[in-house]
Amino acid sequence: MSKNNNLPTYAIVELLMRLEQYSKAIGDYKDHRINHTEVLVKTTGGAIRFPETLIMQQFENPDLINDNLLLETISSFKPIG
């Protein structure tokens, strides 16, 4: 895995904010790393995986991201400890 400086970090933060409506346990953004087409995001509450395409969609056209996509994403959340 390598650090990806080409992804808009604020789009990741925005996605985390959107996910807070489903779980406050996710926490705040700390760091991210990319692994092929998936992005591992470390938060103050644990770690969550995002498809890179979802981050870019949040950046380019966030209105197209529906609740089902967010719920699919939140299922990858792994809390600390």
Protein backbone atom coordinates (compact mmCIF):
# COMPACT_ATOMS: atom_id res chain seq x y z
CA MET A 1 0.00 0.00 0.00
CA SER A 2 1.20 3.47 -0.72
CA LYS A 3 0.17 6.96 0.20
CA ASN A 4 -1.95 8.53 -2.51
CA ASN A 5 -1.50 12.25 -2.79
CA ASN A 6 -3.70 12.47 -5.91
CA LEU A 7 -6.99 11.85 -4.13
CA PRO A 8 -8.82 14.89 -2.78
CA THR A 9 -8.55 14.40 0.98
CA TYR A 10 -11.48 16.68 1.65
CA ALA A 11 -13.73 14.34 -0.39
CA ILE A 12 -12.76 11.55 2.02
CA VAL A 13 -13.54 13.82 4.98
CA GLU A 14 -16.91 14.69 3.40
CA LEU A 15 -17.72 10.99 2.99
CA LEU A 16 -16.84 10.35 6.62
CA MET A 17 -19.15 13.20 7.62
CA ARG A 18 -21.94 11.66 5.56
CA LEU A 19 -21.36 8.28 7.20
CA GLU A 20 -21.71 9.82 10.67
CA GLN A 21 -25.48 9.79 10.19
CA TYR A 22 -25.28 5.98 10.39
CA SER A 23 -22.53 5.56 12.98
CA LYS A 24 -20.84 8.13 15.21
CA ALA A 25 -18.22 5.45 16.04
CA ILE A 26 -16.36 6.03 12.76
CA GLY A 27 -14.70 9.18 14.06
CA ASP A 28 -12.56 11.76 12.29
CA TYR A 29 -10.08 11.41 9.43
CA LYS A 30 -6.47 10.62 10.36
CA ASP A 31 -4.78 9.22 7.23
CA HIS A 32 -5.36 7.18 4.08
CA ARG A 33 -3.50 4.72 1.88
CA ILE A 34 -4.41 3.31 -1.50
CA ASN A 35 -4.27 -0.36 -2.43
CA HIS A 36 -5.06 -0.81 -6.13
CA THR A 37 -8.60 0.61 -6.52
CA GLU A 38 -9.43 0.60 -2.81
CA VAL A 39 -8.56 3.23 -0.22
CA LEU A 40 -7.99 2.36 3.43
CA VAL A 41 -8.90 5.32 5.59
CA LYS A 42 -7.74 5.45 9.20
CA THR A 43 -9.99 7.38 11.55
CA THR A 44 -10.05 8.20 15.24
CA GLY A 45 -12.54 5.33 15.63
CA GLY A 46 -10.93 2.65 13.46
CA ALA A 47 -10.53 2.02 9.73
CA ILE A 48 -12.85 1.93 6.75
CA ARG A 49 -12.37 0.98 3.11
CA PHE A 50 -13.65 3.10 0.24
CA PRO A 51 -13.60 2.30 -3.46
CA GLU A 52 -11.46 4.97 -5.11
CA THR A 53 -14.36 5.59 -7.51
CA LEU A 54 -16.63 6.54 -4.61
CA ILE A 55 -14.16 9.16 -3.39
CA MET A 56 -13.92 10.62 -6.87
CA GLN A 57 -17.71 10.60 -7.18
CA GLN A 58 -17.94 12.54 -3.91
CA PHE A 59 -15.48 15.02 -5.41
CA GLU A 60 -17.17 15.35 -8.81
CA ASN A 61 -20.88 14.72 -8.22
CA PRO A 62 -21.80 13.89 -4.61
CA ASP A 63 -25.55 14.03 -5.27
CA LEU A 64 -25.28 10.73 -7.14
CA ILE A 65 -24.18 8.88 -4.00
CA ASN A 66 -27.27 7.32 -2.45
CA ASP A 67 -27.91 5.82 0.98
CA ASN A 68 -27.41 2.27 -0.31
CA LEU A 69 -23.86 3.07 -1.43
CA LEU A 70 -23.10 4.65 1.93
CA LEU A 71 -24.51 1.66 3.81
CA GLU A 72 -22.43 -0.73 1.70
CA THR A 73 -19.34 1.29 2.52
CA ILE A 74 -20.02 1.48 6.24
CA SER A 75 -20.13 -2.31 6.40
CA SER A 76 -16.34 -2.30 5.87
CA PHE A 77 -15.72 -0.26 9.05
CA LYS A 78 -13.48 -1.96 11.62
CA PRO A 79 -13.47 -0.25 15.01
CA ILE A 80 -10.29 0.14 17.06
CA GLY A 81 -9.66 -2.69 19.49
